[in-house]
Amino acid sequence: MIELHLTILAITALIGLAASYLAITEKDLLKAVAYSAAQAIAYAIIFYLLMAPDIVLAYVAIAVGIYSALLIFLIGKTQRYEVV
């Protein structure tokens, strides 16, 4: 059972790392926000596996909900694509 727990933890950490990389390198800012939300969900799963449910509730509400909504609102006020 411990091996399964650690395997899920490692896979989730890799998904979070990949989503972070994709969020940084993406030129479409809305996709970058979606990748950032996916990274936050992956980290919330890690917090849950580490038995910290209070942190999960706060992290999901802030990182996925409020932060993403604020970024989408701000992207709507500017250009959607990053120009280099």
PDB file of N, CA and C in Angstrom:
ATOM      1  N   MET A   1       0.824  -1.201   0.000  1.00  0.00           N
ATOM      2  CA  MET A   1       0.000   0.000   0.000  1.00  0.00           C
ATOM      3  C   MET A   1       0.867   1.265   0.000  1.00  0.00           C
ATOM      4  N   ILE A   2       1.979   1.213   0.728  1.00  0.00           N
ATOM      5  CA  ILE A   2       2.885   2.359   0.793  1.00  0.00           C
ATOM      6  C   ILE A   2       3.482   2.638  -0.584  1.00  0.00           C
ATOM      7  N   GLU A   3       3.814   1.573  -1.330  1.00  0.00           N
ATOM      8  CA  GLU A   3       4.407   1.748  -2.648  1.00  0.00           C
ATOM      9  C   GLU A   3       3.444   2.441  -3.606  1.00  0.00           C
ATOM     10  N   LEU A   4       2.169   2.065  -3.531  1.00  0.00           N
ATOM     11  CA  LEU A   4       1.156   2.705  -4.373  1.00  0.00           C
ATOM     12  C   LEU A   4       1.014   4.179  -4.016  1.00  0.00           C
ATOM     13  N   HIS A   5       1.020   4.468  -2.731  1.00  0.00           N
ATOM     14  CA  HIS A   5       0.911   5.847  -2.256  1.00  0.00           C
ATOM     15  C   HIS A   5       2.085   6.696  -2.774  1.00  0.00           C
ATOM     16  N   LEU A   6       3.281   6.154  -2.681  1.00  0.00           N
ATOM     17  CA  LEU A   6       4.456   6.888  -3.142  1.00  0.00           C
ATOM     18  C   LEU A   6       4.500   7.005  -4.663  1.00  0.00           C
ATOM     19  N   THR A   7       3.989   5.990  -5.361  1.00  0.00           N
ATOM     20  CA  THR A   7       3.932   6.055  -6.825  1.00  0.00           C
ATOM     21  C   THR A   7       2.971   7.143  -7.283  1.00  0.00           C
ATOM     22  N   ILE A   8       1.816   7.211  -6.659  1.00  0.00           N
ATOM     23  CA  ILE A   8       0.849   8.262  -7.001  1.00  0.00           C
ATOM     24  C   ILE A   8       1.427   9.632  -6.678  1.00  0.00           C
ATOM     25  N   LEU A   9       2.127   9.731  -5.560  1.00  0.00           N
ATOM     26  CA  LEU A   9       2.755  10.989  -5.175  1.00  0.00           C
ATOM     27  C   LEU A   9       3.800  11.425  -6.204  1.00  0.00           C
ATOM     28  N   ALA A  10       4.618  10.485  -6.673  1.00  0.00           N
ATOM     29  CA  ALA A  10       5.653  10.809  -7.657  1.00  0.00           C
ATOM     30  C   ALA A  10       5.047  11.192  -9.002  1.00  0.00           C
ATOM     31  N   ILE A  11       4.041  10.466  -9.444  1.00  0.00           N
ATOM     32  CA  ILE A  11       3.394  10.777 -10.722  1.00  0.00           C
ATOM     33  C   ILE A  11       2.730  12.147 -10.667  1.00  0.00           C
ATOM     34  N   THR A  12       2.069  12.444  -9.562  1.00  0.00           N
ATOM     35  CA  THR A  12       1.416  13.741  -9.407  1.00  0.00           C
ATOM     36  C   THR A  12       2.443  14.870  -9.380  1.00  0.00           C
ATOM     37  N   ALA A  13       3.579  14.631  -8.749  1.00  0.00           N
ATOM     38  CA  ALA A  13       4.636  15.648  -8.733  1.00  0.00           C
ATOM     39  C   ALA A  13       5.176  15.899 -10.132  1.00  0.00           C
ATOM     40  N   LEU A  14       5.331  14.853 -10.933  1.00  0.00           N
ATOM     41  CA  LEU A  14       5.786  15.021 -12.307  1.00  0.00           C
ATOM     42  C   LEU A  14       4.760  15.762 -13.163  1.00  0.00           C
ATOM     43  N   ILE A  15       3.490  15.473 -12.944  1.00  0.00           N
ATOM     44  CA  ILE A  15       2.433  16.197 -13.668  1.00  0.00           C
ATOM     45  C   ILE A  15       2.464  17.673 -13.295  1.00  0.00           C
ATOM     46  N   GLY A  16       2.633  17.970 -12.009  1.00  0.00           N
ATOM     47  CA  GLY A  16       2.733  19.362 -11.574  1.00  0.00           C
ATOM     48  C   GLY A  16       3.935  20.070 -12.164  1.00  0.00           C
ATOM     49  N   LEU A  17       5.054  19.368 -12.236  1.00  0.00           N
ATOM     50  CA  LEU A  17       6.262  19.937 -12.821  1.00  0.00           C
ATOM     51  C   LEU A  17       6.072  20.200 -14.314  1.00  0.00           C
ATOM     52  N   ALA A  18       5.473  19.247 -15.019  1.00  0.00           N
ATOM     53  CA  ALA A  18       5.226  19.423 -16.459  1.00  0.00           C
ATOM     54  C   ALA A  18       4.255  20.573 -16.714  1.00  0.00           C
ATOM     55  N   ALA A  19       3.215  20.683 -15.895  1.00  0.00           N
ATOM     56  CA  ALA A  19       2.252  21.769 -16.059  1.00  0.00           C
ATOM     57  C   ALA A  19       2.905  23.120 -15.776  1.00  0.00           C
ATOM     58  N   SER A  20       3.801  23.170 -14.811  1.00  0.00           N
ATOM     59  CA  SER A  20       4.516  24.416 -14.528  1.00  0.00           C
ATOM     60  C   SER A  20       5.377  24.831 -15.709  1.00  0.00           C
ATOM     61  N   TYR A  21       6.086  23.867 -16.297  1.00  0.00           N
ATOM     62  CA  TYR A  21       6.921  24.163 -17.460  1.00  0.00           C
ATOM     63  C   TYR A  21       6.066  24.656 -18.633  1.00  0.00           C
ATOM     64  N   LEU A  22       4.945  23.982 -18.874  1.00  0.00           N
ATOM     65  CA  LEU A  22       4.065  24.387 -19.976  1.00  0.00           C
ATOM     66  C   LEU A  22       3.471  25.779 -19.735  1.00  0.00           C
ATOM     67  N   ALA A  23       3.152  26.097 -18.494  1.00  0.00           N
ATOM     68  CA  ALA A  23       2.609  27.418 -18.181  1.00  0.00           C
ATOM     69  C   ALA A  23       3.641  28.512 -18.436  1.00  0.00           C
ATOM     70  N   ILE A  24       4.885  28.221 -18.176  1.00  0.00           N
ATOM     71  CA  ILE A  24       5.938  29.223 -18.372  1.00  0.00           C
ATOM     72  C   ILE A  24       6.241  29.439 -19.846  1.00  0.00           C
ATOM     73  N   THR A  25       6.226  28.370 -20.633  1.00  0.00           N
ATOM     74  CA  THR A  25       6.642  28.470 -22.032  1.00  0.00           C
ATOM     75  C   THR A  25       5.495  28.770 -22.997  1.00  0.00           C
ATOM     76  N   GLU A  26       4.262  28.744 -22.553  1.00  0.00           N
ATOM     77  CA  GLU A  26       3.105  28.947 -23.437  1.00  0.00           C
ATOM     78  C   GLU A  26       2.982  30.417 -23.853  1.00  0.00           C
ATOM     79  N   LYS A  27       2.716  30.642 -25.140  1.00  0.00           N
ATOM     80  CA  LYS A  27       2.537  32.006 -25.661  1.00  0.00           C
ATOM     81  C   LYS A  27       1.087  32.478 -25.527  1.00  0.00           C
ATOM     82  N   ASP A  28       0.141  31.538 -25.542  1.00  0.00           N
ATOM     83  CA  ASP A  28      -1.270  31.878 -25.343  1.00  0.00           C
ATOM     84  C   ASP A  28      -1.515  31.983 -23.836  1.00  0.00           C
ATOM     85  N   LEU A  29      -1.850  33.174 -23.377  1.00  0.00           N
ATOM     86  CA  LEU A  29      -1.940  33.406 -21.937  1.00  0.00           C
ATOM     87  C   LEU A  29      -3.097  32.660 -21.284  1.00  0.00           C
ATOM     88  N   LEU A  30      -4.205  32.433 -22.006  1.00  0.00           N
ATOM     89  CA  LEU A  30      -5.304  31.666 -21.427  1.00  0.00           C
ATOM     90  C   LEU A  30      -4.909  30.202 -21.222  1.00  0.00           C
ATOM     91  N   LYS A  31      -4.156  29.651 -22.157  1.00  0.00           N
ATOM     92  CA  LYS A  31      -3.654  28.289 -21.971  1.00  0.00           C
ATOM     93  C   LYS A  31      -2.675  28.241 -20.803  1.00  0.00           C
ATOM     94  N   ALA A  32      -1.891  29.284 -20.647  1.00  0.00           N
ATOM     95  CA  ALA A  32      -0.952  29.334 -19.532  1.00  0.00           C
ATOM     96  C   ALA A  32      -1.694  29.345 -18.193  1.00  0.00           C
ATOM     97  N   VAL A  33      -2.813  30.043 -18.133  1.00  0.00           N
ATOM     98  CA  VAL A  33      -3.627  30.048 -16.911  1.00  0.00           C
ATOM     99  C   VAL A  33      -4.192  28.653 -16.657  1.00  0.00           C
ATOM    100  N   ALA A  34      -4.618  27.967 -17.711  1.00  0.00           N
ATOM    101  CA  ALA A  34      -5.136  26.605 -17.559  1.00  0.00           C
ATOM    102  C   ALA A  34      -4.048  25.655 -17.070  1.00  0.00           C
ATOM    103  N   TYR A  35      -2.844  25.789 -17.604  1.00  0.00           N
ATOM    104  CA  TYR A  35      -1.730  24.959 -17.134  1.00  0.00           C
ATOM    105  C   TYR A  35      -1.395  25.281 -15.683  1.00  0.00           C
ATOM    106  N   SER A  36      -1.472  26.535 -15.321  1.00  0.00           N
ATOM    107  CA  SER A  36      -1.214  26.923 -13.941  1.00  0.00           C
ATOM    108  C   SER A  36      -2.265  26.324 -12.998  1.00  0.00           C
ATOM    109  N   ALA A  37      -3.508  26.291 -13.436  1.00  0.00           N
ATOM    110  CA  ALA A  37      -4.568  25.675 -12.630  1.00  0.00           C
ATOM    111  C   ALA A  37      -4.343  24.171 -12.518  1.00  0.00           C
ATOM    112  N   ALA A  38      -3.884  23.536 -13.605  1.00  0.00           N
ATOM    113  CA  ALA A  38      -3.590  22.099 -13.554  1.00  0.00           C
ATOM    114  C   ALA A  38      -2.443  21.814 -12.581  1.00  0.00           C
ATOM    115  N   GLN A  39      -1.458  22.686 -12.586  1.00  0.00           N
ATOM    116  CA  GLN A  39      -0.346  22.546 -11.643  1.00  0.00           C
ATOM    117  C   GLN A  39      -0.845  22.688 -10.209  1.00  0.00           C
ATOM    118  N   ALA A  40      -1.750  23.622  -9.977  1.00  0.00           N
ATOM    119  CA  ALA A  40      -2.287  23.822  -8.635  1.00  0.00           C
ATOM    120  C   ALA A  40      -3.103  22.611  -8.182  1.00  0.00           C
ATOM    121  N   ILE A  41      -3.849  22.010  -9.104  1.00  0.00           N
ATOM    122  CA  ILE A  41      -4.616  20.816  -8.760  1.00  0.00           C
ATOM    123  C   ILE A  41      -3.677  19.658  -8.430  1.00  0.00           C
ATOM    124  N   ALA A  42      -2.607  19.518  -9.196  1.00  0.00           N
ATOM    125  CA  ALA A  42      -1.636  18.462  -8.912  1.00  0.00           C
ATOM    126  C   ALA A  42      -1.017  18.653  -7.527  1.00  0.00           C
ATOM    127  N   TYR A  43      -0.673  19.874  -7.191  1.00  0.00           N
ATOM    128  CA  TYR A  43      -0.099  20.125  -5.866  1.00  0.00           C
ATOM    129  C   TYR A  43      -1.136  19.933  -4.760  1.00  0.00           C
ATOM    130  N   ALA A  44      -2.393  20.227  -5.050  1.00  0.00           N
ATOM    131  CA  ALA A  44      -3.440  19.982  -4.061  1.00  0.00           C
ATOM    132  C   ALA A  44      -3.593  18.483  -3.800  1.00  0.00           C
ATOM    133  N   ILE A  45      -3.457  17.672  -4.848  1.00  0.00           N
ATOM    134  CA  ILE A  45      -3.500  16.217  -4.661  1.00  0.00           C
ATOM    135  C   ILE A  45      -2.326  15.763  -3.798  1.00  0.00           C
ATOM    136  N   ILE A  46      -1.169  16.364  -4.020  1.00  0.00           N
ATOM    137  CA  ILE A  46      -0.002  16.024  -3.192  1.00  0.00           C
ATOM    138  C   ILE A  46      -0.251  16.392  -1.736  1.00  0.00           C
ATOM    139  N   PHE A  47      -0.819  17.561  -1.490  1.00  0.00           N
ATOM    140  CA  PHE A  47      -1.135  17.949  -0.113  1.00  0.00           C
ATOM    141  C   PHE A  47      -2.131  16.978   0.512  1.00  0.00           C
ATOM    142  N   TYR A  48      -3.101  16.526  -0.286  1.00  0.00           N
ATOM    143  CA  TYR A  48      -4.087  15.570   0.221  1.00  0.00           C
ATOM    144  C   TYR A  48      -3.419  14.238   0.576  1.00  0.00           C
ATOM    145  N   LEU A  49      -2.512  13.774  -0.287  1.00  0.00           N
ATOM    146  CA  LEU A  49      -1.809  12.529  -0.003  1.00  0.00           C
ATOM    147  C   LEU A  49      -0.900  12.652   1.213  1.00  0.00           C
ATOM    148  N   LEU A  50      -0.430  13.852   1.480  1.00  0.00           N
ATOM    149  CA  LEU A  50       0.395  14.087   2.658  1.00  0.00           C
ATOM    150  C   LEU A  50      -0.437  14.388   3.904  1.00  0.00           C
ATOM    151  N   MET A  51      -1.753  14.176   3.781  1.00  0.00           N
ATOM    152  CA  MET A  51      -2.708  14.306   4.885  1.00  0.00           C
ATOM    153  C   MET A  51      -2.779  15.716   5.459  1.00  0.00           C
ATOM    154  N   ALA A  52      -2.954  16.682   4.572  1.00  0.00           N
ATOM    155  CA  ALA A  52      -3.126  18.074   4.984  1.00  0.00           C
ATOM    156  C   ALA A  52      -4.400  18.631   4.340  1.00  0.00           C
ATOM    157  N   PRO A  53      -5.579  18.153   4.757  1.00  0.00           N
ATOM    158  CA  PRO A  53      -6.821  18.557   4.096  1.00  0.00           C
ATOM    159  C   PRO A  53      -7.165  20.033   4.277  1.00  0.00           C
ATOM    160  N   ASP A  54      -6.760  20.648   5.367  1.00  0.00           N
ATOM    161  CA  ASP A  54      -7.043  22.064   5.559  1.00  0.00           C
ATOM    162  C   ASP A  54      -6.279  22.919   4.550  1.00  0.00           C
ATOM    163  N   ILE A  55      -5.052  22.529   4.246  1.00  0.00           N
ATOM    164  CA  ILE A  55      -4.269  23.252   3.247  1.00  0.00           C
ATOM    165  C   ILE A  55      -4.863  23.053   1.869  1.00  0.00           C
ATOM    166  N   VAL A  56      -5.362  21.843   1.599  1.00  0.00           N
ATOM    167  CA  VAL A  56      -5.979  21.551   0.301  1.00  0.00           C
ATOM    168  C   VAL A  56      -7.164  22.465   0.056  1.00  0.00           C
ATOM    169  N   LEU A  57      -8.026  22.625   1.038  1.00  0.00           N
ATOM    170  CA  LEU A  57      -9.216  23.459   0.867  1.00  0.00           C
ATOM    171  C   LEU A  57      -8.847  24.908   0.577  1.00  0.00           C
ATOM    172  N   ALA A  58      -7.895  25.434   1.310  1.00  0.00           N
ATOM    173  CA  ALA A  58      -7.486  26.818   1.081  1.00  0.00           C
ATOM    174  C   ALA A  58      -6.742  26.958  -0.237  1.00  0.00           C
ATOM    175  N   TYR A  59      -5.878  26.009  -0.565  1.00  0.00           N
ATOM    176  CA  TYR A  59      -5.062  26.093  -1.773  1.00  0.00           C
ATOM    177  C   TYR A  59      -5.918  26.014  -3.029  1.00  0.00           C
ATOM    178  N   VAL A  60      -6.885  25.109  -3.051  1.00  0.00           N
ATOM    179  CA  VAL A  60      -7.750  24.984  -4.224  1.00  0.00           C
ATOM    180  C   VAL A  60      -8.594  26.235  -4.402  1.00  0.00           C
ATOM    181  N   ALA A  61      -9.136  26.755  -3.328  1.00  0.00           N
ATOM    182  CA  ALA A  61      -9.971  27.952  -3.434  1.00  0.00           C
ATOM    183  C   ALA A  61      -9.184  29.148  -3.940  1.00  0.00           C
ATOM    184  N   ILE A  62      -7.975  29.300  -3.486  1.00  0.00           N
ATOM    185  CA  ILE A  62      -7.176  30.462  -3.878  1.00  0.00           C
ATOM    186  C   ILE A  62      -6.478  30.238  -5.213  1.00  0.00           C
ATOM    187  N   ALA A  63      -5.723  29.139  -5.347  1.00  0.00           N
ATOM    188  CA  ALA A  63      -4.886  28.925  -6.529  1.00  0.00           C
ATOM    189  C   ALA A  63      -5.697  28.605  -7.772  1.00  0.00           C
ATOM    190  N   VAL A  64      -6.737  27.822  -7.637  1.00  0.00           N
ATOM    191  CA  VAL A  64      -7.532  27.460  -8.809  1.00  0.00           C
ATOM    192  C   VAL A  64      -8.654  28.460  -9.034  1.00  0.00           C
ATOM    193  N   GLY A  65      -9.324  28.857  -7.983  1.00  0.00           N
ATOM    194  CA  GLY A  65     -10.488  29.718  -8.129  1.00  0.00           C
ATOM    195  C   GLY A  65     -10.172  31.186  -8.305  1.00  0.00           C
ATOM    196  N   ILE A  66      -9.732  31.815  -7.251  1.00  0.00           N
ATOM    197  CA  ILE A  66      -9.555  33.268  -7.248  1.00  0.00           C
ATOM    198  C   ILE A  66      -8.412  33.702  -8.167  1.00  0.00           C
ATOM    199  N   TYR A  67      -7.276  33.022  -8.070  1.00  0.00           N
ATOM    200  CA  TYR A  67      -6.098  33.394  -8.862  1.00  0.00           C
ATOM    201  C   TYR A  67      -6.375  33.254 -10.360  1.00  0.00           C
ATOM    202  N   SER A  68      -6.977  32.139 -10.763  1.00  0.00           N
ATOM    203  CA  SER A  68      -7.280  31.921 -12.182  1.00  0.00           C
ATOM    204  C   SER A  68      -8.309  32.929 -12.685  1.00  0.00           C
ATOM    205  N   ALA A  69      -9.335  33.188 -11.897  1.00  0.00           N
ATOM    206  CA  ALA A  69     -10.360  34.151 -12.305  1.00  0.00           C
ATOM    207  C   ALA A  69      -9.763  35.549 -12.460  1.00  0.00           C
ATOM    208  N   LEU A  70      -8.897  35.929 -11.544  1.00  0.00           N
ATOM    209  CA  LEU A  70      -8.249  37.235 -11.626  1.00  0.00           C
ATOM    210  C   LEU A  70      -7.366  37.335 -12.866  1.00  0.00           C
ATOM    211  N   LEU A  71      -6.599  36.288 -13.147  1.00  0.00           N
ATOM    212  CA  LEU A  71      -5.737  36.308 -14.332  1.00  0.00           C
ATOM    213  C   LEU A  71      -6.554  36.351 -15.624  1.00  0.00           C
ATOM    214  N   ILE A  72      -7.639  35.613 -15.690  1.00  0.00           N
ATOM    215  CA  ILE A  72      -8.488  35.641 -16.889  1.00  0.00           C
ATOM    216  C   ILE A  72      -9.104  37.022 -17.072  1.00  0.00           C
ATOM    217  N   PHE A  73      -9.510  37.646 -15.977  1.00  0.00           N
ATOM    218  CA  PHE A  73     -10.046  39.006 -16.057  1.00  0.00           C
ATOM    219  C   PHE A  73      -8.990  39.977 -16.585  1.00  0.00           C
ATOM    220  N   LEU A  74      -7.766  39.854 -16.086  1.00  0.00           N
ATOM    221  CA  LEU A  74      -6.699  40.752 -16.528  1.00  0.00           C
ATOM    222  C   LEU A  74      -6.277  40.488 -17.971  1.00  0.00           C
ATOM    223  N   ILE A  75      -6.288  39.242 -18.385  1.00  0.00           N
ATOM    224  CA  ILE A  75      -5.977  38.925 -19.776  1.00  0.00           C
ATOM    225  C   ILE A  75      -7.035  39.515 -20.697  1.00  0.00           C
ATOM    226  N   GLY A  76      -8.279  39.538 -20.244  1.00  0.00           N
ATOM    227  CA  GLY A  76      -9.349  40.152 -21.029  1.00  0.00           C
ATOM    228  C   GLY A  76      -9.134  41.646 -21.237  1.00  0.00           C
ATOM    229  N   LYS A  77      -8.415  42.293 -20.340  1.00  0.00           N
ATOM    230  CA  LYS A  77      -8.135  43.721 -20.459  1.00  0.00           C
ATOM    231  C   LYS A  77      -6.912  44.003 -21.338  1.00  0.00           C
ATOM    232  N   THR A  78      -6.128  42.974 -21.645  1.00  0.00           N
ATOM    233  CA  THR A  78      -4.932  43.135 -22.463  1.00  0.00           C
ATOM    234  C   THR A  78      -5.030  42.215 -23.679  1.00  0.00           C
ATOM    235  N   GLN A  79      -3.900  41.897 -24.268  1.00  0.00           N
ATOM    236  CA  GLN A  79      -3.881  40.974 -25.389  1.00  0.00           C
ATOM    237  C   GLN A  79      -3.766  39.538 -24.907  1.00  0.00           C
ATOM    238  N   ARG A  80      -4.386  38.635 -25.665  1.00  0.00           N
ATOM    239  CA  ARG A  80      -4.386  37.235 -25.268  1.00  0.00           C
ATOM    240  C   ARG A  80      -3.042  36.559 -25.511  1.00  0.00           C
ATOM    241  N   TYR A  81      -2.351  36.945 -26.556  1.00  0.00           N
ATOM    242  CA  TYR A  81      -1.102  36.284 -26.917  1.00  0.00           C
ATOM    243  C   TYR A  81       0.084  37.130 -26.513  1.00  0.00           C
ATOM    244  N   GLU A  82       1.109  36.479 -26.023  1.00  0.00           N
ATOM    245  CA  GLU A  82       2.332  37.170 -25.638  1.00  0.00           C
ATOM    246  C   GLU A  82       3.138  37.478 -26.893  1.00  0.00           C
ATOM    247  N   VAL A  83       3.536  38.714 -27.031  1.00  0.00           N
ATOM    248  CA  VAL A  83       4.319  39.139 -28.177  1.00  0.00           C
ATOM    249  C   VAL A  83       5.760  39.310 -27.733  1.00  0.00           C
ATOM    250  N   VAL A  84       6.656  38.646 -28.419  1.00  0.00           N
ATOM    251  CA  VAL A  84       8.071  38.696 -28.031  1.00  0.00           C
ATOM    252  C   VAL A  84       8.808  39.670 -28.921  1.00  0.00           C
TER     253      VAL A  84
END
